[in-house]
Amino acid sequence: MGFAKFMSSGLGRGLRIVVGLTLIVIGLFSVGGTGGIILAIVGAVPLLAGIFDVCLFAPLFGGPLKGAEARAKAQ
């Protein structure tokens, strides 16, 4: 549950946004072609999860999907 707790924190949310943006930029500008588009789409998942404050891994560990609920549960 420690990983899910970290990912639902503010730092984890920021990390997901940065990783998502990084994957999109690398995919579109470094890799290019079909592989780059696929990498950019994969990067959109953590980016959107961070923007909308959801932790997709938390339910796998028995935690809530929404980050705000996870943070409230942790207190």
PDB file of N, CA and C in Angstrom:
ATOM      1  N   MET A   1       0.820  -1.195   0.000  1.00  0.00           N
ATOM      2  CA  MET A   1       0.000   0.000   0.000  1.00  0.00           C
ATOM      3  C   MET A   1       0.862   1.257   0.000  1.00  0.00           C
ATOM      4  N   GLY A   2       2.145   1.146   0.353  1.00  0.00           N
ATOM      5  CA  GLY A   2       3.037   2.292   0.391  1.00  0.00           C
ATOM      6  C   GLY A   2       3.187   2.965  -0.962  1.00  0.00           C
ATOM      7  N   PHE A   3       3.281   2.160  -2.025  1.00  0.00           N
ATOM      8  CA  PHE A   3       3.410   2.713  -3.375  1.00  0.00           C
ATOM      9  C   PHE A   3       2.155   3.480  -3.757  1.00  0.00           C
ATOM     10  N   ALA A   4       0.992   2.887  -3.506  1.00  0.00           N
ATOM     11  CA  ALA A   4      -0.270   3.549  -3.836  1.00  0.00           C
ATOM     12  C   ALA A   4      -0.450   4.813  -3.000  1.00  0.00           C
ATOM     13  N   LYS A   5      -0.007   4.776  -1.748  1.00  0.00           N
ATOM     14  CA  LYS A   5      -0.101   5.949  -0.880  1.00  0.00           C
ATOM     15  C   LYS A   5       0.773   7.079  -1.422  1.00  0.00           C
ATOM     16  N   PHE A   6       1.990   6.738  -1.855  1.00  0.00           N
ATOM     17  CA  PHE A   6       2.872   7.749  -2.430  1.00  0.00           C
ATOM     18  C   PHE A   6       2.290   8.311  -3.727  1.00  0.00           C
ATOM     19  N   MET A   7       1.776   7.452  -4.586  1.00  0.00           N
ATOM     20  CA  MET A   7       1.254   7.902  -5.872  1.00  0.00           C
ATOM     21  C   MET A   7       0.014   8.774  -5.729  1.00  0.00           C
ATOM     22  N   SER A   8      -0.723   8.625  -4.629  1.00  0.00           N
ATOM     23  CA  SER A   8      -1.894   9.472  -4.424  1.00  0.00           C
ATOM     24  C   SER A   8      -1.540  10.774  -3.715  1.00  0.00           C
ATOM     25  N   SER A   9      -0.294  10.903  -3.278  1.00  0.00           N
ATOM     26  CA  SER A   9       0.142  12.146  -2.621  1.00  0.00           C
ATOM     27  C   SER A   9       0.371  13.237  -3.662  1.00  0.00           C
ATOM     28  N   GLY A  10       0.565  14.434  -3.191  1.00  0.00           N
ATOM     29  CA  GLY A  10       0.828  15.550  -4.108  1.00  0.00           C
ATOM     30  C   GLY A  10       2.100  15.348  -4.907  1.00  0.00           C
ATOM     31  N   LEU A  11       3.142  14.821  -4.253  1.00  0.00           N
ATOM     32  CA  LEU A  11       4.399  14.555  -4.947  1.00  0.00           C
ATOM     33  C   LEU A  11       4.222  13.469  -6.006  1.00  0.00           C
ATOM     34  N   GLY A  12       3.478  12.433  -5.684  1.00  0.00           N
ATOM     35  CA  GLY A  12       3.217  11.368  -6.645  1.00  0.00           C
ATOM     36  C   GLY A  12       2.404  11.863  -7.828  1.00  0.00           C
ATOM     37  N   ARG A  13       1.452  12.736  -7.539  1.00  0.00           N
ATOM     38  CA  ARG A  13       0.638  13.313  -8.613  1.00  0.00           C
ATOM     39  C   ARG A  13       1.508  14.141  -9.555  1.00  0.00           C
ATOM     40  N   GLY A  14       2.387  14.965  -8.976  1.00  0.00           N
ATOM     41  CA  GLY A  14       3.300  15.757  -9.796  1.00  0.00           C
ATOM     42  C   GLY A  14       4.240  14.890 -10.611  1.00  0.00           C
ATOM     43  N   LEU A  15       4.710  13.800 -10.001  1.00  0.00           N
ATOM     44  CA  LEU A  15       5.596  12.869 -10.700  1.00  0.00           C
ATOM     45  C   LEU A  15       4.890  12.236 -11.898  1.00  0.00           C
ATOM     46  N   ARG A  16       3.620  11.860 -11.723  1.00  0.00           N
ATOM     47  CA  ARG A  16       2.871  11.279 -12.844  1.00  0.00           C
ATOM     48  C   ARG A  16       2.730  12.267 -13.984  1.00  0.00           C
ATOM     49  N   ILE A  17       2.486  13.530 -13.666  1.00  0.00           N
ATOM     50  CA  ILE A  17       2.348  14.551 -14.707  1.00  0.00           C
ATOM     51  C   ILE A  17       3.672  14.743 -15.444  1.00  0.00           C
ATOM     52  N   VAL A  18       4.776  14.836 -14.707  1.00  0.00           N
ATOM     53  CA  VAL A  18       6.092  15.026 -15.331  1.00  0.00           C
ATOM     54  C   VAL A  18       6.474  13.826 -16.190  1.00  0.00           C
ATOM     55  N   VAL A  19       6.255  12.617 -15.690  1.00  0.00           N
ATOM     56  CA  VAL A  19       6.584  11.405 -16.454  1.00  0.00           C
ATOM     57  C   VAL A  19       5.723  11.331 -17.714  1.00  0.00           C
ATOM     58  N   GLY A  20       4.448  11.642 -17.585  1.00  0.00           N
ATOM     59  CA  GLY A  20       3.566  11.626 -18.755  1.00  0.00           C
ATOM     60  C   GLY A  20       4.013  12.611 -19.822  1.00  0.00           C
ATOM     61  N   LEU A  21       4.323  13.840 -19.402  1.00  0.00           N
ATOM     62  CA  LEU A  21       4.798  14.840 -20.361  1.00  0.00           C
ATOM     63  C   LEU A  21       6.111  14.420 -21.001  1.00  0.00           C
ATOM     64  N   THR A  22       6.998  13.846 -20.206  1.00  0.00           N
ATOM     65  CA  THR A  22       8.292  13.391 -20.720  1.00  0.00           C
ATOM     66  C   THR A  22       8.099  12.304 -21.773  1.00  0.00           C
ATOM     67  N   LEU A  23       7.248  11.337 -21.507  1.00  0.00           N
ATOM     68  CA  LEU A  23       7.008  10.269 -22.476  1.00  0.00           C
ATOM     69  C   LEU A  23       6.389  10.805 -23.761  1.00  0.00           C
ATOM     70  N   ILE A  24       5.489  11.770 -23.636  1.00  0.00           N
ATOM     71  CA  ILE A  24       4.869  12.361 -24.832  1.00  0.00           C
ATOM     72  C   ILE A  24       5.914  13.099 -25.667  1.00  0.00           C
ATOM     73  N   VAL A  25       6.744  13.903 -25.021  1.00  0.00           N
ATOM     74  CA  VAL A  25       7.768  14.670 -25.747  1.00  0.00           C
ATOM     75  C   VAL A  25       8.776  13.730 -26.407  1.00  0.00           C
ATOM     76  N   ILE A  26       9.237  12.723 -25.668  1.00  0.00           N
ATOM     77  CA  ILE A  26      10.190  11.766 -26.249  1.00  0.00           C
ATOM     78  C   ILE A  26       9.562  11.035 -27.422  1.00  0.00           C
ATOM     79  N   GLY A  27       8.321  10.618 -27.241  1.00  0.00           N
ATOM     80  CA  GLY A  27       7.651   9.886 -28.315  1.00  0.00           C
ATOM     81  C   GLY A  27       7.476  10.708 -29.576  1.00  0.00           C
ATOM     82  N   LEU A  28       7.066  11.953 -29.417  1.00  0.00           N
ATOM     83  CA  LEU A  28       6.771  12.772 -30.593  1.00  0.00           C
ATOM     84  C   LEU A  28       8.011  13.384 -31.234  1.00  0.00           C
ATOM     85  N   PHE A  29       9.013  13.723 -30.425  1.00  0.00           N
ATOM     86  CA  PHE A  29      10.148  14.448 -30.974  1.00  0.00           C
ATOM     87  C   PHE A  29      11.429  13.634 -31.116  1.00  0.00           C
ATOM     88  N   SER A  30      11.588  12.571 -30.361  1.00  0.00           N
ATOM     89  CA  SER A  30      12.811  11.776 -30.457  1.00  0.00           C
ATOM     90  C   SER A  30      12.595  10.487 -31.234  1.00  0.00           C
ATOM     91  N   VAL A  31      11.552   9.768 -30.882  1.00  0.00           N
ATOM     92  CA  VAL A  31      11.324   8.462 -31.515  1.00  0.00           C
ATOM     93  C   VAL A  31      10.696   8.640 -32.886  1.00  0.00           C
ATOM     94  N   GLY A  32       9.579   9.354 -32.952  1.00  0.00           N
ATOM     95  CA  GLY A  32       8.889   9.587 -34.211  1.00  0.00           C
ATOM     96  C   GLY A  32       8.231   8.326 -34.749  1.00  0.00           C
ATOM     97  N   GLY A  33       7.503   8.476 -35.812  1.00  0.00           N
ATOM     98  CA  GLY A  33       6.846   7.349 -36.456  1.00  0.00           C
ATOM     99  C   GLY A  33       5.771   6.718 -35.585  1.00  0.00           C
ATOM    100  N   THR A  34       5.436   5.490 -35.922  1.00  0.00           N
ATOM    101  CA  THR A  34       4.395   4.769 -35.200  1.00  0.00           C
ATOM    102  C   THR A  34       4.794   4.509 -33.753  1.00  0.00           C
ATOM    103  N   GLY A  35       6.040   4.140 -33.528  1.00  0.00           N
ATOM    104  CA  GLY A  35       6.507   3.897 -32.169  1.00  0.00           C
ATOM    105  C   GLY A  35       6.413   5.137 -31.303  1.00  0.00           C
ATOM    106  N   GLY A  36       6.707   6.279 -31.876  1.00  0.00           N
ATOM    107  CA  GLY A  36       6.617   7.531 -31.140  1.00  0.00           C
ATOM    108  C   GLY A  36       5.187   7.886 -30.779  1.00  0.00           C
ATOM    109  N   ILE A  37       4.273   7.626 -31.697  1.00  0.00           N
ATOM    110  CA  ILE A  37       2.860   7.886 -31.426  1.00  0.00           C
ATOM    111  C   ILE A  37       2.370   6.963 -30.315  1.00  0.00           C
ATOM    112  N   ILE A  38       2.771   5.702 -30.354  1.00  0.00           N
ATOM    113  CA  ILE A  38       2.376   4.758 -29.305  1.00  0.00           C
ATOM    114  C   ILE A  38       2.945   5.207 -27.957  1.00  0.00           C
ATOM    115  N   LEU A  39       4.198   5.636 -27.932  1.00  0.00           N
ATOM    116  CA  LEU A  39       4.810   6.112 -26.693  1.00  0.00           C
ATOM    117  C   LEU A  39       4.092   7.357 -26.172  1.00  0.00           C
ATOM    118  N   ALA A  40       3.692   8.245 -27.066  1.00  0.00           N
ATOM    119  CA  ALA A  40       2.956   9.442 -26.660  1.00  0.00           C
ATOM    120  C   ALA A  40       1.594   9.072 -26.077  1.00  0.00           C
ATOM    121  N   ILE A  41       0.929   8.095 -26.648  1.00  0.00           N
ATOM    122  CA  ILE A  41      -0.363   7.645 -26.120  1.00  0.00           C
ATOM    123  C   ILE A  41      -0.175   7.013 -24.744  1.00  0.00           C
ATOM    124  N   VAL A  42       0.876   6.204 -24.595  1.00  0.00           N
ATOM    125  CA  VAL A  42       1.177   5.612 -23.288  1.00  0.00           C
ATOM    126  C   VAL A  42       1.474   6.721 -22.273  1.00  0.00           C
ATOM    127  N   GLY A  43       2.162   7.763 -22.686  1.00  0.00           N
ATOM    128  CA  GLY A  43       2.465   8.886 -21.807  1.00  0.00           C
ATOM    129  C   GLY A  43       1.231   9.677 -21.402  1.00  0.00           C
ATOM    130  N   ALA A  44       0.197   9.636 -22.232  1.00  0.00           N
ATOM    131  CA  ALA A  44      -1.040  10.346 -21.899  1.00  0.00           C
ATOM    132  C   ALA A  44      -1.739   9.738 -20.687  1.00  0.00           C
ATOM    133  N   VAL A  45      -1.529   8.448 -20.437  1.00  0.00           N
ATOM    134  CA  VAL A  45      -2.202   7.787 -19.307  1.00  0.00           C
ATOM    135  C   VAL A  45      -1.750   8.371 -17.968  1.00  0.00           C
ATOM    136  N   PRO A  46      -0.449   8.407 -17.647  1.00  0.00           N
ATOM    137  CA  PRO A  46      -0.070   9.012 -16.362  1.00  0.00           C
ATOM    138  C   PRO A  46      -0.327  10.520 -16.316  1.00  0.00           C
ATOM    139  N   LEU A  47      -0.219  11.180 -17.467  1.00  0.00           N
ATOM    140  CA  LEU A  47      -0.493  12.615 -17.502  1.00  0.00           C
ATOM    141  C   LEU A  47      -1.939  12.892 -17.108  1.00  0.00           C
ATOM    142  N   LEU A  48      -2.871  12.198 -17.733  1.00  0.00           N
ATOM    143  CA  LEU A  48      -4.286  12.400 -17.424  1.00  0.00           C
ATOM    144  C   LEU A  48      -4.634  11.934 -16.018  1.00  0.00           C
ATOM    145  N   ALA A  49      -4.001  10.852 -15.578  1.00  0.00           N
ATOM    146  CA  ALA A  49      -4.242  10.375 -14.209  1.00  0.00           C
ATOM    147  C   ALA A  49      -3.790  11.425 -13.196  1.00  0.00           C
ATOM    148  N   GLY A  50      -2.678  12.076 -13.467  1.00  0.00           N
ATOM    149  CA  GLY A  50      -2.205  13.131 -12.566  1.00  0.00           C
ATOM    150  C   GLY A  50      -3.089  14.365 -12.617  1.00  0.00           C
ATOM    151  N   ILE A  51      -3.501  14.742 -13.806  1.00  0.00           N
ATOM    152  CA  ILE A  51      -4.348  15.926 -13.950  1.00  0.00           C
ATOM    153  C   ILE A  51      -5.694  15.722 -13.255  1.00  0.00           C
ATOM    154  N   PHE A  52      -6.289  14.554 -13.440  1.00  0.00           N
ATOM    155  CA  PHE A  52      -7.610  14.288 -12.866  1.00  0.00           C
ATOM    156  C   PHE A  52      -7.537  13.696 -11.456  1.00  0.00           C
ATOM    157  N   ASP A  53      -6.341  13.589 -10.891  1.00  0.00           N
ATOM    158  CA  ASP A  53      -6.106  13.135  -9.524  1.00  0.00           C
ATOM    159  C   ASP A  53      -6.714  11.766  -9.248  1.00  0.00           C
ATOM    160  N   VAL A  54      -6.365  10.816 -10.095  1.00  0.00           N
ATOM    161  CA  VAL A  54      -6.742   9.426  -9.854  1.00  0.00           C
ATOM    162  C   VAL A  54      -5.475   8.587  -9.824  1.00  0.00           C
ATOM    163  N   CYS A  55      -5.492   7.549  -9.034  1.00  0.00           N
ATOM    164  CA  CYS A  55      -4.364   6.626  -8.972  1.00  0.00           C
ATOM    165  C   CYS A  55      -4.851   5.279  -9.480  1.00  0.00           C
ATOM    166  N   LEU A  56      -4.421   4.921 -10.674  1.00  0.00           N
ATOM    167  CA  LEU A  56      -4.912   3.703 -11.309  1.00  0.00           C
ATOM    168  C   LEU A  56      -4.421   2.439 -10.617  1.00  0.00           C
ATOM    169  N   PHE A  57      -3.328   2.530  -9.852  1.00  0.00           N
ATOM    170  CA  PHE A  57      -2.788   1.358  -9.177  1.00  0.00           C
ATOM    171  C   PHE A  57      -3.402   1.130  -7.796  1.00  0.00           C
ATOM    172  N   ALA A  58      -3.968   2.160  -7.191  1.00  0.00           N
ATOM    173  CA  ALA A  58      -4.493   2.037  -5.830  1.00  0.00           C
ATOM    174  C   ALA A  58      -5.554   0.951  -5.685  1.00  0.00           C
ATOM    175  N   PRO A  59      -6.513   0.814  -6.607  1.00  0.00           N
ATOM    176  CA  PRO A  59      -7.497  -0.258  -6.450  1.00  0.00           C
ATOM    177  C   PRO A  59      -6.873  -1.663  -6.464  1.00  0.00           C
ATOM    178  N   LEU A  60      -5.745  -1.811  -7.119  1.00  0.00           N
ATOM    179  CA  LEU A  60      -5.069  -3.107  -7.129  1.00  0.00           C
ATOM    180  C   LEU A  60      -4.537  -3.461  -5.746  1.00  0.00           C
ATOM    181  N   PHE A  61      -4.278  -2.426  -4.930  1.00  0.00           N
ATOM    182  CA  PHE A  61      -3.763  -2.627  -3.577  1.00  0.00           C
ATOM    183  C   PHE A  61      -4.838  -2.404  -2.515  1.00  0.00           C
ATOM    184  N   GLY A  62      -6.088  -2.317  -2.941  1.00  0.00           N
ATOM    185  CA  GLY A  62      -7.190  -2.166  -2.001  1.00  0.00           C
ATOM    186  C   GLY A  62      -7.483  -0.728  -1.610  1.00  0.00           C
ATOM    187  N   GLY A  63      -6.940   0.229  -2.325  1.00  0.00           N
ATOM    188  CA  GLY A  63      -7.169   1.644  -2.024  1.00  0.00           C
ATOM    189  C   GLY A  63      -8.202   2.248  -2.953  1.00  0.00           C
ATOM    190  N   PRO A  64      -8.635   3.475  -2.664  1.00  0.00           N
ATOM    191  CA  PRO A  64      -9.608   4.151  -3.524  1.00  0.00           C
ATOM    192  C   PRO A  64      -8.972   4.685  -4.807  1.00  0.00           C
ATOM    193  N   LEU A  65      -9.772   4.820  -5.846  1.00  0.00           N
ATOM    194  CA  LEU A  65      -9.295   5.306  -7.141  1.00  0.00           C
ATOM    195  C   LEU A  65      -8.954   6.788  -7.084  1.00  0.00           C
ATOM    196  N   LYS A  66      -9.773   7.570  -6.411  1.00  0.00           N
ATOM    197  CA  LYS A  66      -9.572   9.020  -6.368  1.00  0.00           C
ATOM    198  C   LYS A  66      -8.493   9.393  -5.359  1.00  0.00           C
ATOM    199  N   GLY A  67      -7.614  10.279  -5.764  1.00  0.00           N
ATOM    200  CA  GLY A  67      -6.508  10.689  -4.906  1.00  0.00           C
ATOM    201  C   GLY A  67      -6.957  11.381  -3.639  1.00  0.00           C
ATOM    202  N   ALA A  68      -8.003  12.208  -3.741  1.00  0.00           N
ATOM    203  CA  ALA A  68      -8.492  12.922  -2.561  1.00  0.00           C
ATOM    204  C   ALA A  68      -9.013  11.936  -1.517  1.00  0.00           C
ATOM    205  N   GLU A  69      -9.701  10.895  -1.957  1.00  0.00           N
ATOM    206  CA  GLU A  69     -10.193   9.880  -1.028  1.00  0.00           C
ATOM    207  C   GLU A  69      -9.040   9.117  -0.381  1.00  0.00           C
ATOM    208  N   ALA A  70      -8.005   8.835  -1.147  1.00  0.00           N
ATOM    209  CA  ALA A  70      -6.850   8.132  -0.607  1.00  0.00           C
ATOM    210  C   ALA A  70      -6.129   8.978   0.427  1.00  0.00           C
ATOM    211  N   ARG A  71      -5.996  10.281   0.158  1.00  0.00           N
ATOM    212  CA  ARG A  71      -5.332  11.159   1.116  1.00  0.00           C
ATOM    213  C   ARG A  71      -6.177  11.302   2.384  1.00  0.00           C
ATOM    214  N   ALA A  72      -7.484  11.371   2.258  1.00  0.00           N
ATOM    215  CA  ALA A  72      -8.362  11.473   3.428  1.00  0.00           C
ATOM    216  C   ALA A  72      -8.308  10.176   4.253  1.00  0.00           C
ATOM    217  N   LYS A  73      -8.225   9.061   3.572  1.00  0.00           N
ATOM    218  CA  LYS A  73      -8.165   7.759   4.254  1.00  0.00           C
ATOM    219  C   LYS A  73      -6.837   7.607   5.005  1.00  0.00           C
ATOM    220  N   ALA A  74      -5.768   8.196   4.482  1.00  0.00           N
ATOM    221  CA  ALA A  74      -4.442   8.073   5.087  1.00  0.00           C
ATOM    222  C   ALA A  74      -4.316   8.882   6.379  1.00  0.00           C
ATOM    223  N   GLN A  75      -5.152   9.889   6.546  1.00  0.00           N
ATOM    224  CA  GLN A  75      -5.032  10.751   7.729  1.00  0.00           C
ATOM    225  C   GLN A  75      -5.719  10.182   8.913  1.00  0.00           C
TER     226      GLN A  75
END
